Protein backbone atom coordinates (compact mmCIF):
# COMPACT_ATOMS: atom_id res chain seq x y z
CA MET A 1 119.90 86.31 188.09
CA VAL A 2 116.53 85.81 189.72
CA ASP A 3 116.22 82.05 190.11
CA ARG A 4 113.23 81.94 192.47
CA ALA A 5 110.17 84.11 192.97
CA SER A 6 110.74 84.39 196.72
CA VAL A 7 113.49 86.99 196.12
CA LEU A 8 111.21 89.33 194.15
CA PRO A 9 109.71 92.36 195.93
CA GLY A 10 107.13 91.18 198.44
CA GLY A 11 108.58 87.67 198.60
CA PRO A 12 109.81 86.13 201.86
CA ASP A 13 113.47 86.27 200.77
CA ALA A 14 113.34 89.73 199.17
CA VAL A 15 115.11 91.59 201.97
CA ALA A 16 118.02 89.13 202.14
CA ALA A 17 118.37 89.09 198.34
CA SER A 18 118.36 92.89 198.15
CA CYS A 19 121.51 92.97 200.27
CA GLU A 20 123.38 91.45 197.33
CA LEU A 21 122.27 94.21 194.94
CA ARG A 22 124.35 97.31 194.36
CA ASN A 23 124.06 100.42 192.25
CA VAL A 24 125.86 100.50 188.92
CA GLU A 25 129.00 102.65 188.86
CA SER A 26 129.40 105.32 186.20
CA GLY A 27 130.25 103.73 182.83
CA GLU A 28 129.35 100.23 184.04
CA SER A 29 126.60 98.16 182.38
CA PRO A 30 123.97 96.67 184.69
CA ASP A 31 123.31 92.92 184.84
CA LEU A 32 119.77 93.49 186.08
CA ILE A 33 117.41 96.43 186.14
CA VAL A 34 114.81 96.24 188.90
CA ARG A 35 111.67 98.22 188.22
CA ILE A 36 108.45 98.10 190.23
CA PRO A 37 105.53 97.91 187.75
CA LYS A 38 102.54 100.23 188.05
CA ALA A 39 100.10 97.30 187.98
CA VAL A 40 101.92 94.78 190.18
CA LYS A 41 99.16 92.16 190.16
CA SER A 42 98.97 92.00 186.36
CA VAL A 43 102.64 91.27 185.71
CA PHE A 44 102.49 87.51 186.28
CA ARG A 45 98.90 86.86 185.22
CA GLY A 46 100.15 85.93 181.76
CA VAL A 47 103.08 83.93 183.11
CA VAL A 48 105.01 81.56 180.88
CA CYS A 49 107.49 79.00 182.19
CA GLN A 50 110.87 78.58 180.55
CA ASN A 51 113.06 75.82 181.98
CA GLY A 52 111.05 75.92 185.21
CA LEU A 53 111.44 79.71 185.62
CA ALA A 54 108.31 81.88 185.65
CA CYS A 55 108.55 84.82 183.23
CA SER A 56 106.19 87.52 181.98
CA ASP A 57 104.93 86.83 178.48
CA ILE A 58 105.88 89.12 175.58
CA ILE A 59 102.51 90.88 175.53
CA GLN A 60 102.81 91.84 179.22
CA VAL A 61 106.36 93.09 178.64
CA TRP A 62 105.14 95.11 175.65
CA LEU A 63 102.35 96.66 177.73
CA ASP A 64 104.71 97.48 180.60
CA VAL A 65 107.47 99.09 178.52
CA SER A 66 105.00 101.11 176.43
CA ASN A 67 104.08 102.90 179.65
CA HIS A 68 107.67 103.64 180.69
CA GLY A 69 108.71 107.29 180.52
CA SER A 70 112.21 107.50 179.08
CA ARG A 71 112.41 104.99 176.21
CA GLY A 72 109.20 103.02 176.62
CA VAL A 73 107.64 103.95 173.29
CA GLU A 74 110.84 103.03 171.46
CA GLN A 75 111.10 99.68 173.27
CA ALA A 76 107.42 98.90 172.68
CA GLU A 77 107.77 99.67 168.96
CA PHE A 78 110.81 97.36 168.75
CA ILE A 79 108.91 94.50 170.46
CA TRP A 80 105.92 95.14 168.20
CA LYS A 81 107.97 95.06 164.98
CA ARG A 82 110.28 92.20 166.00
CA HIS A 83 107.80 89.84 167.66
CA LEU A 84 104.15 90.78 167.94
CA ARG A 85 103.14 92.25 164.57
CA ASP A 86 103.78 89.11 162.53
CA ALA A 87 102.69 86.75 165.31
CA LEU A 88 99.32 88.51 165.42
CA GLY A 89 99.09 88.77 161.63
CA LEU A 90 99.03 92.57 161.65
CA SER A 91 101.07 95.06 159.69
CA ALA A 92 100.03 98.39 161.21
CA SER A 93 102.18 100.42 163.58
CA VAL A 94 101.48 100.61 167.30
CA ALA A 95 101.12 104.39 167.17
């Protein structure tokens, strides 16, 4: 769990925190997937705080996953249908 921003890439504690990370073994489910975003500066511009923890808002997550190669379109469509479409009062597909 990331409980402070200083352990994120570029933070002062990032190197020490990365020592605790390990690759997932075959057949094992990861607890955390670390992915460096293409537009690093935009990720936390739309920050929301939940219980004192800074998180990307749902629109930023939707934008980021829609650009991901392997299953990004599928993930973006799921977020759109499950959260954004009704919240924005729209019924059209993302595509």
